[in-house]
């Protein structure tokens, strides 16, 4: 189980986008990175290129969200709306759940 999961709200705690909040779109587990909606926007210039049916696709500037390292984001507690550390505990039926260390309440 990951500390940050898809659909969580996180706050950026380091880098040029420090202080911004957004929803996690995707978690890249093997690279320890997350993609956050509306945060860490980069631009890429693409050349004009041939498209399907012999048509020409014009040159364009693409904007996209680049991945952030997990150490640069912190989960926002859904109960208190403050950023918090995440802990794990076992429930009575033996399932592992995440909880907010600041409020002590379960997440999800």
C-alpha atoms as a PDB file:
ATOM      1  CA  UNK A   1       0.000   0.000   0.000  1.00  0.00           C
ATOM      2  CA  UNK A   2       1.294   3.423  -0.997  1.00  0.00           C
ATOM      3  CA  UNK A   3       1.267   6.503   1.212  1.00  0.00           C
ATOM      4  CA  UNK A   4      -0.043   8.587  -1.696  1.00  0.00           C
ATOM      5  CA  UNK A   5      -2.615   7.048  -4.024  1.00  0.00           C
ATOM      6  CA  UNK A   6      -4.429   8.080  -7.170  1.00  0.00           C
ATOM      7  CA  UNK A   7      -7.245  10.526  -6.375  1.00  0.00           C
ATOM      8  CA  UNK A   8      -5.599  11.937  -3.219  1.00  0.00           C
ATOM      9  CA  UNK A   9      -5.141  15.684  -2.779  1.00  0.00           C
ATOM     10  CA  UNK A  10      -1.507  16.622  -2.193  1.00  0.00           C
ATOM     11  CA  UNK A  11       0.434  19.826  -1.566  1.00  0.00           C
ATOM     12  CA  UNK A  12       3.845  20.531  -3.089  1.00  0.00           C
ATOM     13  CA  UNK A  13       6.384  21.204  -0.314  1.00  0.00           C
ATOM     14  CA  UNK A  14       9.524  21.841  -2.397  1.00  0.00           C
ATOM     15  CA  UNK A  15      10.446  23.277  -5.781  1.00  0.00           C
ATOM     16  CA  UNK A  16       9.126  26.091  -7.914  1.00  0.00           C
ATOM     17  CA  UNK A  17       5.477  25.064  -7.396  1.00  0.00           C
ATOM     18  CA  UNK A  18       5.763  25.044  -3.597  1.00  0.00           C
ATOM     19  CA  UNK A  19       2.427  25.607  -1.894  1.00  0.00           C
ATOM     20  CA  UNK A  20       0.243  24.495  -4.799  1.00  0.00           C
ATOM     21  CA  UNK A  21      -2.350  21.774  -4.277  1.00  0.00           C
ATOM     22  CA  UNK A  22      -3.770  19.311  -6.750  1.00  0.00           C
ATOM     23  CA  UNK A  23      -5.224  15.866  -7.226  1.00  0.00           C
ATOM     24  CA  UNK A  24      -2.943  12.923  -7.970  1.00  0.00           C
ATOM     25  CA  UNK A  25      -3.630  11.744 -11.518  1.00  0.00           C
ATOM     26  CA  UNK A  26      -1.145   8.877 -11.583  1.00  0.00           C
ATOM     27  CA  UNK A  27       1.404   7.223  -9.309  1.00  0.00           C
ATOM     28  CA  UNK A  28       4.614   5.909 -10.900  1.00  0.00           C
ATOM     29  CA  UNK A  29       5.561   3.318  -8.268  1.00  0.00           C
ATOM     30  CA  UNK A  30       8.881   2.099  -9.677  1.00  0.00           C
ATOM     31  CA  UNK A  31      10.173   5.660 -10.129  1.00  0.00           C
ATOM     32  CA  UNK A  32       8.784   7.009  -6.789  1.00  0.00           C
ATOM     33  CA  UNK A  33       7.004   9.814  -8.620  1.00  0.00           C
ATOM     34  CA  UNK A  34       3.484  11.212  -8.923  1.00  0.00           C
ATOM     35  CA  UNK A  35       1.709  13.267 -11.572  1.00  0.00           C
ATOM     36  CA  UNK A  36      -0.419  16.010 -10.009  1.00  0.00           C
ATOM     37  CA  UNK A  37      -3.192  17.766 -11.931  1.00  0.00           C
ATOM     38  CA  UNK A  38      -2.298  21.404 -12.709  1.00  0.00           C
ATOM     39  CA  UNK A  39       1.147  21.309 -11.048  1.00  0.00           C
ATOM     40  CA  UNK A  40       4.638  21.237 -12.609  1.00  0.00           C
ATOM     41  CA  UNK A  41       3.454  22.249 -16.095  1.00  0.00           C
ATOM     42  CA  UNK A  42       6.143  21.955 -18.782  1.00  0.00           C
ATOM     43  CA  UNK A  43       6.113  22.956 -22.454  1.00  0.00           C
ATOM     44  CA  UNK A  44       7.485  20.987 -25.386  1.00  0.00           C
ATOM     45  CA  UNK A  45       7.852  22.323 -28.914  1.00  0.00           C
ATOM     46  CA  UNK A  46       6.919  19.833 -31.639  1.00  0.00           C
ATOM     47  CA  UNK A  47       7.946  20.109 -35.267  1.00  0.00           C
ATOM     48  CA  UNK A  48       5.474  19.925 -38.096  1.00  0.00           C
ATOM     49  CA  UNK A  49       5.117  16.317 -39.188  1.00  0.00           C
ATOM     50  CA  UNK A  50       3.188  14.201 -41.677  1.00  0.00           C
ATOM     51  CA  UNK A  51      -0.100  12.879 -40.369  1.00  0.00           C
ATOM     52  CA  UNK A  52      -2.565  10.212 -41.434  1.00  0.00           C
ATOM     53  CA  UNK A  53      -3.852  10.375 -45.004  1.00  0.00           C
ATOM     54  CA  UNK A  54      -0.937  12.476 -46.232  1.00  0.00           C
ATOM     55  CA  UNK A  55      -2.026  15.562 -44.308  1.00  0.00           C
ATOM     56  CA  UNK A  56       0.447  17.800 -42.533  1.00  0.00           C
ATOM     57  CA  UNK A  57       0.187  18.263 -38.742  1.00  0.00           C
ATOM     58  CA  UNK A  58       1.341  21.808 -37.915  1.00  0.00           C
ATOM     59  CA  UNK A  59       4.047  22.685 -35.401  1.00  0.00           C
ATOM     60  CA  UNK A  60       2.731  23.242 -31.905  1.00  0.00           C
ATOM     61  CA  UNK A  61       3.663  23.928 -28.294  1.00  0.00           C
ATOM     62  CA  UNK A  62       2.385  21.172 -26.007  1.00  0.00           C
ATOM     63  CA  UNK A  63       1.813  21.677 -22.276  1.00  0.00           C
ATOM     64  CA  UNK A  64       1.784  18.702 -19.900  1.00  0.00           C
ATOM     65  CA  UNK A  65       2.180  17.816 -16.229  1.00  0.00           C
ATOM     66  CA  UNK A  66       5.614  16.395 -15.492  1.00  0.00           C
ATOM     67  CA  UNK A  67       6.089  13.887 -12.644  1.00  0.00           C
ATOM     68  CA  UNK A  68       7.166  15.082  -9.184  1.00  0.00           C
ATOM     69  CA  UNK A  69       9.202  13.032  -6.739  1.00  0.00           C
ATOM     70  CA  UNK A  70       7.212  11.644  -3.802  1.00  0.00           C
ATOM     71  CA  UNK A  71       9.474  13.431  -1.324  1.00  0.00           C
ATOM     72  CA  UNK A  72       8.352  16.788  -2.749  1.00  0.00           C
ATOM     73  CA  UNK A  73       4.640  16.280  -2.060  1.00  0.00           C
ATOM     74  CA  UNK A  74       2.664  15.786   1.129  1.00  0.00           C
ATOM     75  CA  UNK A  75      -0.825  14.380   1.559  1.00  0.00           C
ATOM     76  CA  UNK A  76      -3.615  16.791   2.545  1.00  0.00           C
ATOM     77  CA  UNK A  77      -5.851  15.342   5.275  1.00  0.00           C
ATOM     78  CA  UNK A  78      -9.450  15.207   3.983  1.00  0.00           C
ATOM     79  CA  UNK A  79     -10.807  15.872   7.501  1.00  0.00           C
ATOM     80  CA  UNK A  80      -8.723  18.900   8.570  1.00  0.00           C
ATOM     81  CA  UNK A  81      -7.638  20.228   5.135  1.00  0.00           C
ATOM     82  CA  UNK A  82      -4.027  20.468   6.374  1.00  0.00           C
ATOM     83  CA  UNK A  83      -0.998  18.646   5.065  1.00  0.00           C
ATOM     84  CA  UNK A  84      -0.041  15.642   7.169  1.00  0.00           C
ATOM     85  CA  UNK A  85       2.197  12.632   7.444  1.00  0.00           C
ATOM     86  CA  UNK A  86       0.689   9.242   6.721  1.00  0.00           C
ATOM     87  CA  UNK A  87       0.808   6.216   8.998  1.00  0.00           C
ATOM     88  CA  UNK A  88      -0.488   2.670   8.679  1.00  0.00           C
ATOM     89  CA  UNK A  89      -2.541   0.648  11.120  1.00  0.00           C
ATOM     90  CA  UNK A  90      -4.422  -2.623  11.132  1.00  0.00           C
ATOM     91  CA  UNK A  91      -8.198  -2.691  11.567  1.00  0.00           C
ATOM     92  CA  UNK A  92     -10.125  -5.225  13.640  1.00  0.00           C
ATOM     93  CA  UNK A  93     -10.767  -7.400  10.586  1.00  0.00           C
ATOM     94  CA  UNK A  94      -7.033  -7.513   9.730  1.00  0.00           C
ATOM     95  CA  UNK A  95      -6.940  -4.975   6.885  1.00  0.00           C
ATOM     96  CA  UNK A  96      -4.159  -2.433   6.583  1.00  0.00           C
ATOM     97  CA  UNK A  97      -5.373   1.190   6.328  1.00  0.00           C
ATOM     98  CA  UNK A  98      -3.798   4.636   6.077  1.00  0.00           C
ATOM     99  CA  UNK A  99      -4.357   7.268   8.741  1.00  0.00           C
ATOM    100  CA  UNK A 100      -3.489  10.913   9.239  1.00  0.00           C
ATOM    101  CA  UNK A 101      -0.827  11.417  11.894  1.00  0.00           C
ATOM    102  CA  UNK A 102      -2.094  14.961  12.540  1.00  0.00           C
ATOM    103  CA  UNK A 103      -5.763  14.141  13.171  1.00  0.00           C
ATOM    104  CA  UNK A 104      -5.447  10.423  13.953  1.00  0.00           C
ATOM    105  CA  UNK A 105      -8.404   9.597  11.670  1.00  0.00           C
ATOM    106  CA  UNK A 106      -8.468   7.016   8.887  1.00  0.00           C
ATOM    107  CA  UNK A 107      -8.038   8.179   5.283  1.00  0.00           C
ATOM    108  CA  UNK A 108     -10.723   6.867   2.871  1.00  0.00           C
END
